[in-house]
Protein backbone atom coordinates (compact mmCIF):
# COMPACT_ATOMS: atom_id res chain seq x y z
CA MET A 1 14.37 -39.98 -13.94
CA GLU A 2 12.56 -42.28 -16.32
CA ARG A 3 13.46 -40.83 -19.72
CA ARG A 4 16.11 -38.78 -21.48
CA ILE A 5 14.97 -35.25 -22.19
CA HIS A 6 16.10 -32.77 -24.83
CA THR A 7 17.16 -29.48 -23.28
CA SER A 8 19.72 -27.86 -25.61
CA ALA A 9 20.60 -27.71 -29.27
CA ILE A 10 24.20 -28.57 -28.41
CA ALA A 11 24.77 -32.24 -27.56
CA GLU A 12 27.32 -31.62 -24.81
CA ASN A 13 25.12 -28.99 -23.14
CA ASP A 14 22.10 -31.22 -23.56
CA ALA A 15 23.74 -34.05 -21.64
CA PHE A 16 25.04 -31.66 -18.96
CA TYR A 17 21.69 -29.98 -18.27
CA ALA A 18 19.74 -33.23 -18.48
CA SER A 19 21.99 -34.72 -15.80
CA LEU A 20 21.26 -31.74 -13.53
CA VAL A 21 17.53 -32.21 -14.04
CA GLU A 22 17.89 -35.90 -13.27
CA THR A 23 19.67 -35.14 -9.99
CA VAL A 24 17.01 -32.66 -8.95
CA VAL A 25 14.05 -34.83 -9.98
CA ASP A 26 15.44 -37.86 -8.16
CA GLY A 27 15.84 -35.73 -5.04
CA ILE A 28 12.27 -34.44 -5.25
CA VAL A 29 10.75 -37.88 -5.78
CA GLU A 30 12.81 -39.31 -2.94
CA THR A 31 11.65 -36.51 -0.63
CA LEU A 32 7.95 -36.49 -1.52
CA GLY A 33 7.48 -40.18 -2.34
CA PRO A 34 6.25 -41.43 -5.71
CA GLY A 35 2.78 -42.12 -4.31
CA SER A 36 2.10 -38.42 -3.76
CA LEU A 37 2.96 -37.39 -7.32
CA GLU A 38 1.37 -37.97 -10.69
CA ALA A 39 4.15 -36.30 -12.68
CA ILE A 40 6.87 -33.68 -12.66
CA LEU A 41 6.92 -31.20 -15.52
CA MET A 42 9.84 -29.09 -16.71
CA ILE A 43 8.86 -25.75 -18.24
CA GLY A 44 10.58 -22.70 -19.69
CA ALA A 45 13.34 -22.34 -22.28
CA PRO A 46 15.05 -25.69 -21.45
CA ALA A 47 11.75 -27.45 -22.16
CA ARG A 48 11.95 -25.88 -25.63
CA GLY A 49 15.55 -27.10 -26.06
CA GLU A 50 17.05 -23.66 -25.34
CA ALA A 51 18.91 -24.04 -22.05
CA THR A 52 21.67 -21.43 -21.75
CA ILE A 53 24.87 -23.28 -20.81
CA ILE A 54 28.18 -21.42 -20.80
CA SER A 55 31.69 -22.86 -20.78
CA THR A 56 33.76 -21.36 -17.97
CA PRO A 57 37.38 -22.02 -16.91
CA ASP A 58 35.89 -24.27 -14.22
CA GLY A 59 33.62 -26.19 -16.59
CA SER A 60 30.03 -25.91 -17.77
CA TYR A 61 27.58 -23.66 -15.94
CA SER A 62 23.85 -23.28 -16.53
CA LEU A 63 22.47 -19.74 -16.56
CA SER A 64 19.01 -21.28 -17.04
CA ASP A 65 17.42 -22.37 -13.82
CA ILE A 66 15.56 -25.67 -13.49
CA ASP A 67 11.89 -24.74 -13.33
CA LEU A 68 9.65 -27.65 -12.35
CA ILE A 69 5.98 -28.21 -11.60
CA CYS A 70 5.14 -31.06 -9.25
CA VAL A 71 1.74 -32.41 -10.20
CA HIS A 72 0.48 -33.96 -6.98
CA ALA A 73 -2.38 -36.34 -6.40
CA PRO A 74 -5.71 -34.65 -5.54
CA SER A 75 -5.77 -36.37 -2.16
CA ALA A 76 -2.27 -35.20 -1.18
CA ASP A 77 -1.83 -32.47 1.42
CA ARG A 78 -0.08 -29.69 -0.49
CA ARG A 79 0.92 -27.80 2.62
CA ALA A 80 2.60 -30.88 4.04
CA LEU A 81 4.33 -31.60 0.73
CA ALA A 82 5.61 -28.02 0.56
CA ALA A 83 6.93 -28.23 4.11
CA ARG A 84 8.94 -31.32 3.16
CA LEU A 85 10.10 -30.05 -0.21
CA GLY A 86 11.32 -26.62 0.93
CA PRO A 87 14.40 -27.83 2.84
CA ARG A 88 15.24 -30.30 0.07
CA ILE A 89 15.17 -27.57 -2.56
CA LEU A 90 17.59 -25.57 -0.43
CA SER A 91 19.93 -28.54 -0.17
CA LEU A 92 19.63 -29.23 -3.91
CA ASN A 93 20.49 -25.63 -4.68
CA GLU A 94 23.59 -25.99 -2.53
CA GLU A 95 24.47 -29.26 -4.25
CA ILE A 96 24.26 -27.88 -7.79
CA GLY A 97 25.18 -24.28 -6.95
CA GLY A 98 28.60 -24.57 -8.54
CA VAL A 99 27.19 -25.60 -11.91
CA CYS A 100 23.69 -24.11 -12.11
CA VAL A 101 21.97 -20.90 -11.10
CA GLY A 102 19.34 -22.86 -9.18
CA VAL A 103 16.13 -24.86 -9.11
CA ASP A 104 12.55 -23.78 -8.48
CA ALA A 105 9.59 -26.09 -7.94
CA SER A 106 5.89 -25.38 -7.49
CA PHE A 107 2.82 -27.53 -6.93
CA ARG A 108 -0.28 -28.02 -9.08
CA THR A 109 -2.99 -30.62 -9.46
CA ARG A 110 -3.89 -31.90 -12.90
CA ARG A 111 -7.21 -30.08 -12.65
CA GLU A 112 -5.42 -26.80 -11.93
CA LEU A 113 -3.24 -27.28 -14.99
CA GLU A 114 -6.28 -27.98 -17.11
CA THR A 115 -7.87 -24.68 -16.04
CA VAL A 116 -6.13 -22.28 -18.38
CA GLN A 117 -5.78 -18.71 -17.17
CA PRO A 118 -5.33 -15.94 -19.78
CA PHE A 119 -1.80 -15.17 -18.63
CA ILE A 120 1.44 -15.11 -20.60
CA SER A 121 2.97 -17.26 -17.87
CA SER A 122 0.26 -19.89 -18.45
CA GLN A 123 0.79 -19.74 -22.20
CA GLU A 124 4.55 -20.15 -21.86
CA MET A 125 4.10 -22.96 -19.34
CA LEU A 126 1.54 -24.95 -21.28
CA ALA A 127 3.00 -24.41 -24.74
CA SER A 128 5.96 -26.74 -24.21
CA PRO A 129 5.89 -28.69 -20.94
CA VAL A 130 8.06 -31.81 -20.75
CA VAL A 131 7.27 -34.69 -18.41
CA VAL A 132 10.55 -35.53 -16.69
CA TRP A 133 8.99 -38.03 -14.30
CA GLY A 134 5.68 -39.85 -14.07
CA ASP A 135 2.62 -40.05 -16.29
CA GLU A 136 3.29 -38.55 -19.73
CA ARG A 137 -0.44 -38.18 -20.27
CA VAL A 138 -0.42 -35.24 -17.86
CA ALA A 139 1.29 -33.12 -20.53
CA THR A 140 -0.61 -34.47 -23.52
CA SER A 141 -3.98 -33.86 -21.84
CA LEU A 142 -3.34 -30.17 -21.17
CA PRO A 143 -5.56 -27.73 -23.08
CA GLU A 144 -4.20 -25.64 -25.92
CA PRO A 145 -3.74 -22.05 -24.72
CA ARG A 146 -5.38 -19.32 -26.80
CA ILE A 147 -3.17 -16.32 -27.42
CA ASP A 148 -6.21 -14.30 -28.46
CA ASP A 149 -7.53 -14.52 -24.87
CA ILE A 150 -4.45 -12.88 -23.32
CA PRO A 151 -5.12 -9.22 -22.47
CA PRO A 152 -2.62 -6.44 -23.30
CA ASN A 153 -1.79 -5.79 -19.63
CA GLU A 154 -0.12 -9.21 -19.54
CA SER A 155 2.51 -7.84 -21.92
CA LEU A 156 2.99 -4.91 -19.58
CA LYS A 157 3.48 -7.35 -16.72
CA LEU A 158 6.16 -9.24 -18.66
CA VAL A 159 8.09 -6.07 -19.50
CA HIS A 160 7.83 -4.99 -15.86
CA ASN A 161 9.19 -8.24 -14.51
CA ARG A 162 12.22 -8.20 -16.78
CA ILE A 163 12.99 -4.53 -16.09
CA VAL A 164 12.96 -5.12 -12.35
CA GLU A 165 15.15 -8.22 -12.70
CA GLN A 166 17.60 -6.17 -14.74
CA LEU A 167 17.48 -3.33 -12.24
CA LEU A 168 18.43 -5.72 -9.46
CA LEU A 169 21.66 -6.40 -11.37
CA TYR A 170 22.67 -2.75 -10.94
CA ARG A 171 25.04 -3.54 -8.09
CA SER A 172 26.87 -5.98 -10.36
CA VAL A 173 27.25 -3.26 -12.98
CA ALA A 174 28.44 -0.74 -10.41
CA SER A 175 31.05 -3.16 -9.06
CA ALA A 176 32.55 -3.57 -12.54
CA PRO A 177 32.64 -7.39 -12.70
CA GLU A 178 35.48 -9.02 -14.57
CA ASP A 179 35.13 -12.69 -13.59
CA TYR A 180 33.71 -14.78 -16.39
CA ARG A 181 30.61 -16.09 -14.64
CA PRO A 182 29.35 -12.73 -13.25
CA VAL A 183 29.94 -11.14 -16.64
CA ALA A 184 27.99 -13.91 -18.38
CA SER A 185 25.19 -13.55 -15.82
CA LEU A 186 25.00 -9.84 -16.52
CA LEU A 187 24.81 -10.50 -20.26
CA TYR A 188 22.16 -13.16 -19.62
CA GLY A 189 20.00 -10.65 -17.76
CA THR A 190 20.30 -8.17 -20.60
CA ALA A 191 19.46 -10.89 -23.12
CA LYS A 192 16.32 -11.79 -21.16
CA LEU A 193 15.34 -8.12 -21.00
CA GLY A 194 15.68 -7.62 -24.72
CA LEU A 195 14.17 -10.90 -25.84
CA ASP A 196 11.23 -10.84 -23.45
CA SER A 197 10.48 -7.24 -24.38
CA VAL A 198 10.20 -8.57 -27.93
CA THR A 199 8.02 -11.43 -26.68
CA ALA A 200 5.72 -8.97 -24.89
CA ILE A 201 5.16 -7.08 -28.14
CA LEU A 202 4.60 -10.34 -30.04
CA TYR A 203 1.83 -11.21 -27.59
CA LEU A 204 0.20 -7.86 -28.32
CA GLU A 205 0.38 -8.75 -32.01
CA LYS A 206 -1.02 -12.26 -31.34
CA THR A 207 1.85 -14.03 -33.08
CA VAL A 208 4.31 -15.86 -30.82
CA PRO A 209 6.57 -18.61 -32.25
CA MET A 210 8.10 -21.19 -29.94
CA GLY A 211 11.83 -20.40 -29.83
CA TYR A 212 13.77 -17.18 -29.27
CA ARG A 213 15.39 -17.16 -32.69
CA GLU A 214 12.03 -17.64 -34.39
CA ARG A 215 10.52 -14.89 -32.25
CA VAL A 216 13.24 -12.44 -33.21
CA ASP A 217 12.81 -13.26 -36.91
CA VAL A 218 9.05 -12.73 -36.75
CA PHE A 219 9.54 -9.50 -34.82
CA LEU A 220 12.12 -8.09 -37.24
CA TYR A 221 10.69 -9.20 -40.55
CA ASP A 222 6.96 -9.27 -39.86
CA VAL A 223 5.79 -7.27 -36.84
CA LEU A 224 8.10 -4.27 -37.34
CA GLU A 225 6.98 -4.06 -40.97
CA ARG A 226 3.35 -3.54 -40.01
CA SER A 227 2.07 -0.03 -40.59
CA HIS A 228 0.65 0.55 -37.13
CA VAL A 229 4.05 -0.03 -35.48
CA ARG A 230 6.09 2.19 -37.79
CA HIS A 231 6.92 4.58 -34.94
CA LEU A 232 8.28 1.67 -32.89
CA ARG A 233 10.28 0.47 -35.90
CA ASP A 234 11.94 3.88 -36.20
CA ARG A 235 12.79 4.04 -32.49
CA LEU A 236 14.30 0.53 -32.45
CA HIS A 237 16.41 0.97 -35.57
CA ALA A 238 19.71 1.06 -33.64
CA TYR A 239 18.90 -2.24 -31.91
CA ARG A 240 17.62 -4.34 -34.80
CA GLU A 241 20.91 -6.03 -35.67
CA ASP A 242 21.58 -6.82 -32.00
CA LEU A 243 18.57 -9.01 -31.39
CA GLN A 244 19.70 -12.04 -33.37
CA ALA A 245 23.00 -12.08 -31.44
CA TRP A 246 21.12 -12.01 -28.12
CA ALA A 247 18.85 -14.83 -29.32
CA ALA A 248 21.82 -16.96 -30.39
CA PHE A 249 23.49 -16.46 -26.99
CA LYS A 250 20.28 -17.22 -25.09
CA ALA A 251 19.59 -20.38 -27.10
CA THR A 252 23.11 -21.83 -27.15
CA GLY A 253 25.12 -20.26 -24.32
CA SER A 254 27.86 -19.23 -26.77
CA LEU A 255 29.22 -15.75 -26.13
CA VAL A 256 30.79 -15.57 -29.59
CA PRO A 257 27.74 -13.88 -31.20
CA ILE A 258 27.77 -11.21 -28.47
CA SER A 259 31.52 -10.64 -28.76
CA ASP A 260 31.33 -10.43 -32.55
CA ARG A 261 28.32 -8.12 -32.57
CA PHE A 262 29.67 -5.57 -30.07
CA ARG A 263 33.33 -5.71 -31.06
CA GLU A 264 34.83 -2.29 -31.72
CA GLU A 265 37.71 -1.75 -34.09
CA GLN A 266 39.82 0.32 -31.72
CA ARG A 267 38.96 -1.57 -28.54
CA PRO A 268 39.50 -5.19 -27.54
CA PRO A 269 36.28 -7.22 -27.13
CA GLU A 270 36.44 -7.61 -23.35
CA LEU A 271 33.20 -9.20 -22.27
CA GLY A 272 33.15 -7.22 -19.04
CA ARG A 273 33.14 -3.94 -20.92
CA ILE A 274 30.49 -5.20 -23.31
CA ALA A 275 28.30 -6.40 -20.45
CA ARG A 276 28.42 -3.04 -18.66
CA GLU A 277 27.91 -0.95 -21.79
CA GLN A 278 25.01 -3.04 -23.05
CA TRP A 279 23.33 -3.08 -19.64
CA TYR A 280 23.13 0.72 -19.78
CA ARG A 281 22.31 0.80 -23.47
CA TYR A 282 19.38 -1.52 -23.01
CA THR A 283 17.87 0.74 -20.39
CA GLU A 284 16.85 2.86 -23.35
CA PHE A 285 15.63 -0.20 -25.27
CA ALA A 286 13.51 -1.19 -22.28
CA GLU A 287 12.07 2.31 -21.99
CA ILE A 288 11.04 2.29 -25.65
CA CYS A 289 9.35 -1.10 -25.33
CA TRP A 290 7.70 -0.09 -22.04
CA ARG A 291 6.28 3.06 -23.63
CA PHE A 292 4.96 1.09 -26.61
CA VAL A 293 3.35 -1.66 -24.53
CA LEU A 294 1.86 0.82 -22.05
CA GLY A 295 0.55 2.83 -24.99
CA GLU A 296 -1.18 -0.26 -26.35
CA VAL A 297 -2.80 -0.87 -22.95
CA VAL A 298 -4.13 2.70 -22.66
CA ARG A 299 -4.65 3.07 -26.43
CA THR A 300 -2.39 6.11 -26.74
CA ASN A 301 0.89 6.63 -28.59
CA LEU A 302 3.38 7.27 -25.79
CA LEU A 303 6.65 6.74 -27.65
CA ASP A 304 7.42 10.45 -27.86
CA ALA A 305 5.21 11.71 -25.04
CA PRO A 306 6.71 13.73 -22.16
CA LEU A 307 7.53 11.57 -19.19
CA ASP A 308 4.92 13.29 -17.02
CA ASP A 309 2.22 12.32 -19.52
CA VAL A 310 3.44 8.73 -19.56
CA VAL A 311 3.33 8.58 -15.78
CA ALA A 312 -0.16 10.08 -15.74
CA CYS A 313 -1.38 7.32 -18.09
CA TYR A 314 0.32 4.74 -15.95
CA ALA A 315 -1.15 6.12 -12.73
CA GLY A 316 -4.59 5.77 -14.28
CA LEU A 317 -4.18 2.00 -14.14
CA GLU A 318 -4.00 2.01 -10.35
CA THR A 319 -6.65 0.04 -8.50
CA PRO A 320 -9.24 2.04 -6.52
CA ALA A 321 -8.38 0.11 -3.37
CA ARG A 322 -4.73 1.12 -3.58
CA SER A 323 -5.71 4.73 -4.28
CA GLY A 324 -7.75 4.67 -1.09
CA VAL A 325 -4.83 3.36 0.93
CA ARG A 326 -2.54 6.09 -0.35
CA ALA A 327 -5.20 8.72 0.37
CA LEU A 328 -5.37 7.48 3.96
CA LYS A 329 -1.60 7.74 4.22
CA ARG A 330 -1.67 11.31 3.01
CA LEU A 331 -4.52 12.36 5.28
CA ARG A 332 -3.36 10.68 8.44
CA PRO A 333 0.00 8.89 8.67
CA GLY A 334 -0.39 5.44 10.11
CA ALA A 335 -4.10 5.21 9.31
CA SER A 336 -3.69 2.73 6.48
CA PRO A 337 -3.97 -1.01 7.14
CA PRO A 338 -0.67 -2.36 8.50
CA GLY A 339 1.47 -4.77 6.59
CA LEU A 340 1.45 -3.78 2.95
CA PHE A 341 4.66 -1.76 2.90
CA SER A 342 5.33 -1.63 6.61
CA PRO A 343 8.91 -2.12 7.85
CA GLY A 344 8.16 -5.42 9.52
CA ARG A 345 5.99 -7.39 7.15
CA VAL A 346 4.40 -7.39 3.73
CA ILE A 347 1.03 -8.98 3.00
CA ARG A 348 1.28 -11.47 0.18
CA ARG A 349 -0.80 -10.50 -2.86
CA SER A 350 -2.53 -7.79 -0.88
CA ALA A 351 -5.85 -6.47 -2.15
CA PHE A 352 -4.45 -2.99 -1.67
CA ALA A 353 -1.84 -3.24 -4.41
CA SER A 354 -1.70 -4.30 -8.03
CA PRO A 355 1.75 -5.84 -8.59
CA ARG A 356 1.03 -6.23 -12.27
CA LEU A 357 0.13 -2.63 -12.99
CA LEU A 358 0.83 -0.22 -10.18
CA ALA A 359 3.96 -0.45 -8.17
CA TYR A 360 6.40 -0.68 -11.05
CA VAL A 361 6.08 3.05 -11.64
CA THR A 362 8.96 3.45 -9.24
CA GLY A 363 10.89 0.57 -10.74
CA ILE A 364 10.67 1.81 -14.29
CA LEU A 365 11.36 5.43 -13.47
CA ALA A 366 14.33 4.52 -11.32
CA TYR A 367 15.55 2.29 -14.13
CA VAL A 368 15.22 5.07 -16.68
CA ALA A 369 17.05 7.43 -14.32
CA MET A 370 20.10 5.18 -14.59
CA GLY A 371 20.30 5.74 -18.31
CA ASP A 372 21.20 8.94 -20.10
CA SER A 373 17.71 9.97 -21.16
CA TYR A 374 16.68 11.95 -18.08
CA ASP A 375 18.22 13.72 -15.14
CA TRP A 376 16.87 13.54 -11.62
CA CYS A 377 14.95 16.81 -11.93
CA THR A 378 12.73 15.09 -14.50
CA VAL A 379 12.47 11.69 -12.88
CA GLY A 380 12.41 12.68 -9.21
CA PRO A 381 8.93 14.23 -8.91
CA PRO A 382 7.06 11.22 -10.39
CA ILE A 383 9.06 8.84 -8.20
CA ASN A 384 8.12 10.80 -5.09
CA ALA A 385 4.49 11.06 -6.19
CA TYR A 386 3.89 7.44 -7.15
CA CYS A 387 6.38 5.46 -5.10
CA PRO A 388 4.53 2.43 -3.61
CA PHE A 389 6.80 2.23 -0.57
CA PRO A 390 8.08 4.83 1.91
CA LEU A 391 11.28 6.66 1.12
CA PRO A 392 13.56 7.72 3.98
CA LYS A 393 13.77 11.25 5.30
CA GLY A 394 16.36 13.30 3.48
CA PHE A 395 16.02 11.22 0.31
CA ASP A 396 15.71 14.29 -1.93
CA GLU A 397 18.93 15.76 -0.55
CA LEU A 398 21.00 12.70 -1.48
CA GLY A 399 23.16 12.50 -4.56
CA LEU A 400 22.09 10.44 -7.55
CA ALA A 401 24.21 7.45 -6.47
CA GLY A 402 22.60 7.47 -3.02
CA LYS A 403 19.10 7.68 -4.50
CA ARG A 404 19.80 4.79 -6.83
CA GLU A 405 21.17 2.65 -4.00
CA ILE A 406 18.07 3.22 -1.86
CA LEU A 407 15.67 2.58 -4.74
CA VAL A 408 17.44 -0.63 -5.74
CA ASP A 409 17.33 -1.80 -2.11
CA ARG A 410 13.63 -1.00 -1.74
CA LEU A 411 12.78 -2.57 -5.07
CA SER A 412 14.64 -5.73 -4.09
CA PHE A 413 12.52 -5.87 -0.96
CA PHE A 414 9.35 -5.18 -2.92
CA HIS A 415 10.24 -7.76 -5.58
CA GLU A 416 10.81 -10.45 -2.96
CA SER A 417 7.79 -9.67 -0.82
CA VAL A 418 4.99 -8.75 -3.19
CA LEU A 419 5.93 -10.20 -6.56
CA LEU A 420 7.53 -13.42 -5.39
CA GLY A 421 5.11 -13.78 -2.49
CA ARG A 422 7.64 -14.00 0.30
CA ALA A 423 7.22 -12.51 3.75
CA VAL A 424 10.35 -10.42 4.22
CA GLY A 425 11.32 -9.00 7.59
CA ARG A 426 13.17 -5.72 7.43
CA GLY A 427 14.44 -6.07 10.96
CA ASP A 428 16.63 -9.11 10.47
CA GLY A 429 16.98 -8.90 6.71
CA GLY A 430 15.85 -12.49 6.32
CA SER A 431 13.07 -13.96 4.24
CA ASP A 432 10.96 -17.05 4.16
CA ASP A 433 8.07 -18.40 2.17
CA ALA A 434 4.73 -16.87 3.05
């Protein structure tokens, strides 16, 4: 790597994470060859100096992944580059697996980066990219994203993504983790859920500072004081003092703010207990934020609406193509085009589904069902009506634990195949890049 990069506010963590990035970047350049690349960009929280590094009994461990964009030359064959890079990324993940959650790398040309899409992901990527190898002008020549161009449904997409990621941690909650690293990972997922729910609302309000601590401050002392969000302010009252502790943990990796915030006088501050309790508690936080964001998309106050009304508003966002597919399934089983949610294969980014708006009905309702707000009699009918994938025979006769297990399993499959764009085979349980 050609230059030292700033990745954390803590000097020791900064050096640790920067060395991981250097190892990964050197491996990528060695694999692809410097002639095929113009630059490698690091994006995400570490690019903003907010890498989450925890201190474990075995040493430092990064809960922040290493998210890179390989800017390749226009003449390079991207498919060939991807074929070479894939195995190397796997080996790099094995190499750093004991000290980092992992590395992810994608490909772009400079022209693609300069074509700004009105997505939150584009805004977050282009707001603070850091050149970790190659031509620094690649970053300085990128256009300035316009928050005003980002539509409200992008905030809904962000909330969705974090809720599903948190839902996929359910097995960790159920297994009652006590080891330090799994507990910290569980807390990290809850922190992302809470902080990115805040970020989603900030995008609706068109005011998004750079760092997590700044975002929480603006949310608490500016956005929540605005008259048109007074109902949200009332509903989030019990969570307001939490958010700064989550931001401090996310930005520094220190678990002290979390331990101090959720310490109880009569109970020792075991992090495992805190992680499990807050995971469940923030199901309700996520539901409140989901209702608010969805309400902004459909221009209706849904914070206190019956769940059936919320689901009806949500179902109205479904694409006509997907409605047609489901109608075919109801009229004649097997008549719909194969592949979308078939047992053997899932079509990547199918025209018959809207990952951003549709299929998360099941994810969110299943997530809410794990909290204390609703029982299955309330949540079950909408799940059966709007589930984007087939449920097994006898599903309704199962107990709540069995239903949750099946829904988490199916959502994991759906998350991998449709949202992450991976072709996942149900027969062998394996997956590979589509």
